[in-house]
């Protein structure tokens, strides 16, 4: 756990950096997959469980 804290501290102080812009295509793909899963999974599980307000009760 201490090494993770040191990594975060190094990022904060500028001793270490992470190239987000250079890996943007990977992050776009990961984001797109997450969005697609978030849309498809409720539909694959049988639709939405609508409450009483939408059933006319």
PDB file of N, CA and C in Angstrom:
ATOM      1  N   UNK A   1       0.820  -1.186   0.000  1.00  0.00           N
ATOM      2  CA  UNK A   1       0.000   0.000   0.000  1.00  0.00           C
ATOM      3  C   UNK A   1       0.868   1.255   0.000  1.00  0.00           C
ATOM      4  N   UNK A   2       2.025   1.160   0.623  1.00  0.00           N
ATOM      5  CA  UNK A   2       2.914   2.315   0.677  1.00  0.00           C
ATOM      6  C   UNK A   2       3.458   2.652  -0.703  1.00  0.00           C
ATOM      7  N   UNK A   3       3.695   1.631  -1.532  1.00  0.00           N
ATOM      8  CA  UNK A   3       4.219   1.904  -2.867  1.00  0.00           C
ATOM      9  C   UNK A   3       3.172   2.613  -3.720  1.00  0.00           C
ATOM     10  N   UNK A   4       1.890   2.269  -3.525  1.00  0.00           N
ATOM     11  CA  UNK A   4       0.823   2.947  -4.249  1.00  0.00           C
ATOM     12  C   UNK A   4       0.729   4.405  -3.813  1.00  0.00           C
ATOM     13  N   UNK A   5       0.906   4.655  -2.528  1.00  0.00           N
ATOM     14  CA  UNK A   5       0.889   6.023  -2.016  1.00  0.00           C
ATOM     15  C   UNK A   5       2.082   6.806  -2.548  1.00  0.00           C
ATOM     16  N   UNK A   6       3.231   6.162  -2.643  1.00  0.00           N
ATOM     17  CA  UNK A   6       4.415   6.828  -3.187  1.00  0.00           C
ATOM     18  C   UNK A   6       4.206   7.167  -4.658  1.00  0.00           C
ATOM     19  N   UNK A   7       3.573   6.246  -5.396  1.00  0.00           N
ATOM     20  CA  UNK A   7       3.282   6.503  -6.806  1.00  0.00           C
ATOM     21  C   UNK A   7       2.366   7.719  -6.949  1.00  0.00           C
ATOM     22  N   UNK A   8       1.320   7.794  -6.124  1.00  0.00           N
ATOM     23  CA  UNK A   8       0.420   8.942  -6.157  1.00  0.00           C
ATOM     24  C   UNK A   8       1.120  10.227  -5.764  1.00  0.00           C
ATOM     25  N   UNK A   9       2.001  10.147  -4.782  1.00  0.00           N
ATOM     26  CA  UNK A   9       2.746  11.329  -4.367  1.00  0.00           C
ATOM     27  C   UNK A   9       3.696  11.784  -5.474  1.00  0.00           C
ATOM     28  N   UNK A  10       4.338  10.836  -6.150  1.00  0.00           N
ATOM     29  CA  UNK A  10       5.232  11.193  -7.252  1.00  0.00           C
ATOM     30  C   UNK A  10       4.464  11.838  -8.399  1.00  0.00           C
ATOM     31  N   UNK A  11       3.253  11.363  -8.671  1.00  0.00           N
ATOM     32  CA  UNK A  11       2.428  11.998  -9.699  1.00  0.00           C
ATOM     33  C   UNK A  11       2.069  13.423  -9.296  1.00  0.00           C
ATOM     34  N   UNK A  12       1.729  13.605  -8.028  1.00  0.00           N
ATOM     35  CA  UNK A  12       1.311  14.917  -7.548  1.00  0.00           C
ATOM     36  C   UNK A  12       2.461  15.915  -7.583  1.00  0.00           C
ATOM     37  N   UNK A  13       3.648  15.485  -7.184  1.00  0.00           N
ATOM     38  CA  UNK A  13       4.781  16.406  -7.117  1.00  0.00           C
ATOM     39  C   UNK A  13       5.445  16.624  -8.463  1.00  0.00           C
ATOM     40  N   UNK A  14       5.135  15.803  -9.455  1.00  0.00           N
ATOM     41  CA  UNK A  14       5.718  15.983 -10.778  1.00  0.00           C
ATOM     42  C   UNK A  14       6.955  15.149 -11.027  1.00  0.00           C
ATOM     43  N   UNK A  15       7.327  14.292 -10.103  1.00  0.00           N
ATOM     44  CA  UNK A  15       8.492  13.432 -10.302  1.00  0.00           C
ATOM     45  C   UNK A  15       8.200  12.346 -11.332  1.00  0.00           C
ATOM     46  N   UNK A  16       6.945  12.010 -11.461  1.00  0.00           N
ATOM     47  CA  UNK A  16       6.534  10.969 -12.393  1.00  0.00           C
ATOM     48  C   UNK A  16       5.309  11.473 -13.143  1.00  0.00           C
ATOM     49  N   UNK A  17       5.151  11.036 -14.384  1.00  0.00           N
ATOM     50  CA  UNK A  17       3.979  11.437 -15.156  1.00  0.00           C
ATOM     51  C   UNK A  17       3.420  10.231 -15.904  1.00  0.00           C
ATOM     52  N   UNK A  18       2.184  10.350 -16.325  1.00  0.00           N
ATOM     53  CA  UNK A  18       1.524   9.297 -17.085  1.00  0.00           C
ATOM     54  C   UNK A  18       0.976   9.920 -18.351  1.00  0.00           C
ATOM     55  N   UNK A  19       1.267   9.315 -19.479  1.00  0.00           N
ATOM     56  CA  UNK A  19       0.914   9.878 -20.778  1.00  0.00           C
ATOM     57  C   UNK A  19      -0.517   9.487 -21.160  1.00  0.00           C
ATOM     58  N   UNK A  20      -1.490  10.300 -20.724  1.00  0.00           N
ATOM     59  CA  UNK A  20      -2.882  10.035 -21.066  1.00  0.00           C
ATOM     60  C   UNK A  20      -3.167  10.368 -22.524  1.00  0.00           C
ATOM     61  N   UNK A  21      -2.579  11.444 -23.026  1.00  0.00           N
ATOM     62  CA  UNK A  21      -2.861  11.880 -24.386  1.00  0.00           C
ATOM     63  C   UNK A  21      -2.289  10.896 -25.397  1.00  0.00           C
ATOM     64  N   UNK A  22      -1.131  10.349 -25.117  1.00  0.00           N
ATOM     65  CA  UNK A  22      -0.525   9.396 -26.037  1.00  0.00           C
ATOM     66  C   UNK A  22      -1.286   8.087 -26.114  1.00  0.00           C
ATOM     67  N   UNK A  23      -2.042   7.770 -25.082  1.00  0.00           N
ATOM     68  CA  UNK A  23      -2.806   6.519 -25.046  1.00  0.00           C
ATOM     69  C   UNK A  23      -4.296   6.782 -25.173  1.00  0.00           C
ATOM     70  N   UNK A  24      -4.649   7.871 -25.839  1.00  0.00           N
ATOM     71  CA  UNK A  24      -6.049   8.270 -25.914  1.00  0.00           C
ATOM     72  C   UNK A  24      -6.906   7.269 -26.670  1.00  0.00           C
ATOM     73  N   UNK A  25      -6.347   6.611 -27.686  1.00  0.00           N
ATOM     74  CA  UNK A  25      -7.143   5.641 -28.442  1.00  0.00           C
ATOM     75  C   UNK A  25      -7.552   4.463 -27.563  1.00  0.00           C
ATOM     76  N   UNK A  26      -6.653   4.028 -26.704  1.00  0.00           N
ATOM     77  CA  UNK A  26      -6.975   2.931 -25.792  1.00  0.00           C
ATOM     78  C   UNK A  26      -8.078   3.359 -24.831  1.00  0.00           C
ATOM     79  N   UNK A  27      -7.981   4.579 -24.307  1.00  0.00           N
ATOM     80  CA  UNK A  27      -8.996   5.068 -23.376  1.00  0.00           C
ATOM     81  C   UNK A  27     -10.336   5.290 -24.072  1.00  0.00           C
ATOM     82  N   UNK A  28     -10.318   5.704 -25.346  1.00  0.00           N
ATOM     83  CA  UNK A  28     -11.560   5.845 -26.098  1.00  0.00           C
ATOM     84  C   UNK A  28     -12.237   4.493 -26.290  1.00  0.00           C
ATOM     85  N   UNK A  29     -11.448   3.467 -26.594  1.00  0.00           N
ATOM     86  CA  UNK A  29     -12.006   2.125 -26.786  1.00  0.00           C
ATOM     87  C   UNK A  29     -12.595   1.606 -25.479  1.00  0.00           C
ATOM     88  N   UNK A  30     -11.867   1.788 -24.382  1.00  0.00           N
ATOM     89  CA  UNK A  30     -12.373   1.344 -23.078  1.00  0.00           C
ATOM     90  C   UNK A  30     -13.665   2.082 -22.728  1.00  0.00           C
ATOM     91  N   UNK A  31     -13.717   3.375 -22.984  1.00  0.00           N
ATOM     92  CA  UNK A  31     -14.920   4.156 -22.696  1.00  0.00           C
ATOM     93  C   UNK A  31     -16.088   3.718 -23.573  1.00  0.00           C
ATOM     94  N   UNK A  32     -15.823   3.485 -24.854  1.00  0.00           N
ATOM     95  CA  UNK A  32     -16.882   3.051 -25.769  1.00  0.00           C
ATOM     96  C   UNK A  32     -17.433   1.694 -25.355  1.00  0.00           C
ATOM     97  N   UNK A  33     -16.560   0.773 -24.966  1.00  0.00           N
ATOM     98  CA  UNK A  33     -17.025  -0.541 -24.512  1.00  0.00           C
ATOM     99  C   UNK A  33     -17.883  -0.425 -23.258  1.00  0.00           C
ATOM    100  N   UNK A  34     -17.484   0.442 -22.347  1.00  0.00           N
ATOM    101  CA  UNK A  34     -18.271   0.645 -21.135  1.00  0.00           C
ATOM    102  C   UNK A  34     -19.648   1.216 -21.434  1.00  0.00           C
ATOM    103  N   UNK A  35     -19.709   2.164 -22.354  1.00  0.00           N
ATOM    104  CA  UNK A  35     -20.997   2.767 -22.717  1.00  0.00           C
ATOM    105  C   UNK A  35     -21.892   1.745 -23.408  1.00  0.00           C
ATOM    106  N   UNK A  36     -21.317   0.964 -24.323  1.00  0.00           N
ATOM    107  CA  UNK A  36     -22.095  -0.059 -25.030  1.00  0.00           C
ATOM    108  C   UNK A  36     -22.616  -1.107 -24.052  1.00  0.00           C
ATOM    109  N   UNK A  37     -21.778  -1.534 -23.110  1.00  0.00           N
ATOM    110  CA  UNK A  37     -22.227  -2.499 -22.103  1.00  0.00           C
ATOM    111  C   UNK A  37     -23.341  -1.923 -21.239  1.00  0.00           C
ATOM    112  N   UNK A  38     -23.215  -0.662 -20.877  1.00  0.00           N
ATOM    113  CA  UNK A  38     -24.233  -0.029 -20.038  1.00  0.00           C
ATOM    114  C   UNK A  38     -25.569   0.073 -20.761  1.00  0.00           C
ATOM    115  N   UNK A  39     -25.547   0.170 -22.074  1.00  0.00           N
ATOM    116  CA  UNK A  39     -26.786   0.235 -22.844  1.00  0.00           C
ATOM    117  C   UNK A  39     -27.362  -1.159 -23.078  1.00  0.00           C
ATOM    118  N   UNK A  40     -26.501  -2.126 -23.395  1.00  0.00           N
ATOM    119  CA  UNK A  40     -26.976  -3.451 -23.790  1.00  0.00           C
ATOM    120  C   UNK A  40     -27.351  -4.368 -22.628  1.00  0.00           C
ATOM    121  N   UNK A  41     -26.640  -4.311 -21.530  1.00  0.00           N
ATOM    122  CA  UNK A  41     -26.896  -5.259 -20.446  1.00  0.00           C
ATOM    123  C   UNK A  41     -28.321  -5.200 -19.887  1.00  0.00           C
ATOM    124  N   UNK A  42     -28.897  -4.043 -19.641  1.00  0.00           N
ATOM    125  CA  UNK A  42     -30.292  -4.055 -19.166  1.00  0.00           C
ATOM    126  C   UNK A  42     -31.251  -4.650 -20.195  1.00  0.00           C
ATOM    127  N   UNK A  43     -30.975  -4.432 -21.473  1.00  0.00           N
ATOM    128  CA  UNK A  43     -31.856  -4.979 -22.503  1.00  0.00           C
ATOM    129  C   UNK A  43     -31.709  -6.488 -22.613  1.00  0.00           C
ATOM    130  N   UNK A  44     -30.501  -6.996 -22.428  1.00  0.00           N
ATOM    131  CA  UNK A  44     -30.269  -8.435 -22.501  1.00  0.00           C
ATOM    132  C   UNK A  44     -30.824  -9.167 -21.286  1.00  0.00           C
ATOM    133  N   UNK A  45     -30.983  -8.480 -20.184  1.00  0.00           N
ATOM    134  CA  UNK A  45     -31.507  -9.099 -18.959  1.00  0.00           C
ATOM    135  C   UNK A  45     -33.028  -9.107 -18.935  1.00  0.00           C
ATOM    136  N   UNK A  46     -33.673  -8.698 -19.999  1.00  0.00           N
ATOM    137  CA  UNK A  46     -35.135  -8.754 -20.052  1.00  0.00           C
ATOM    138  C   UNK A  46     -35.800  -7.397 -19.978  1.00  0.00           C
ATOM    139  N   UNK A  47     -35.104  -6.368 -20.269  1.00  0.00           N
ATOM    140  CA  UNK A  47     -35.684  -5.035 -20.240  1.00  0.00           C
ATOM    141  C   UNK A  47     -35.599  -4.409 -18.861  1.00  0.00           C
ATOM    142  N   UNK A  48     -36.267  -3.300 -18.727  1.00  0.00           N
ATOM    143  CA  UNK A  48     -36.232  -2.567 -17.476  1.00  0.00           C
ATOM    144  C   UNK A  48     -37.382  -3.008 -16.576  1.00  0.00           C
ATOM    145  N   UNK A  49     -37.164  -2.979 -15.293  1.00  0.00           N
ATOM    146  CA  UNK A  49     -38.192  -3.307 -14.316  1.00  0.00           C
ATOM    147  C   UNK A  49     -38.914  -2.009 -13.956  1.00  0.00           C
ATOM    148  N   UNK A  50     -39.971  -1.729 -14.711  1.00  0.00           N
ATOM    149  CA  UNK A  50     -40.688  -0.481 -14.514  1.00  0.00           C
ATOM    150  C   UNK A  50     -41.577  -0.573 -13.286  1.00  0.00           C
ATOM    151  N   UNK A  51     -41.666   0.509 -12.585  1.00  0.00           N
ATOM    152  CA  UNK A  51     -42.442   0.536 -11.352  1.00  0.00           C
ATOM    153  C   UNK A  51     -43.934   0.677 -11.601  1.00  0.00           C
ATOM    154  N   UNK A  52     -44.665   0.833 -10.542  1.00  0.00           N
ATOM    155  CA  UNK A  52     -46.119   0.942 -10.579  1.00  0.00           C
ATOM    156  C   UNK A  52     -46.567   2.154 -11.391  1.00  0.00           C
ATOM    157  N   UNK A  53     -45.794   3.207 -11.381  1.00  0.00           N
ATOM    158  CA  UNK A  53     -46.170   4.435 -12.070  1.00  0.00           C
ATOM    159  C   UNK A  53     -46.302   4.233 -13.573  1.00  0.00           C
ATOM    160  N   UNK A  54     -45.587   3.264 -14.134  1.00  0.00           N
ATOM    161  CA  UNK A  54     -45.600   3.055 -15.573  1.00  0.00           C
ATOM    162  C   UNK A  54     -46.539   1.923 -15.990  1.00  0.00           C
ATOM    163  N   UNK A  55     -47.176   1.251 -15.041  1.00  0.00           N
ATOM    164  CA  UNK A  55     -48.063   0.135 -15.354  1.00  0.00           C
ATOM    165  C   UNK A  55     -49.542   0.525 -15.297  1.00  0.00           C
ATOM    166  N   UNK A  56     -49.815   1.722 -14.945  1.00  0.00           N
ATOM    167  CA  UNK A  56     -51.206   2.157 -14.894  1.00  0.00           C
ATOM    168  C   UNK A  56     -51.931   1.734 -13.629  1.00  0.00           C
ATOM    169  N   UNK A  57     -51.204   1.759 -12.517  1.00  0.00           N
ATOM    170  CA  UNK A  57     -51.829   1.301 -11.280  1.00  0.00           C
ATOM    171  C   UNK A  57     -52.163   2.413 -10.343  1.00  0.00           C
TER     172      UNK A  57
END
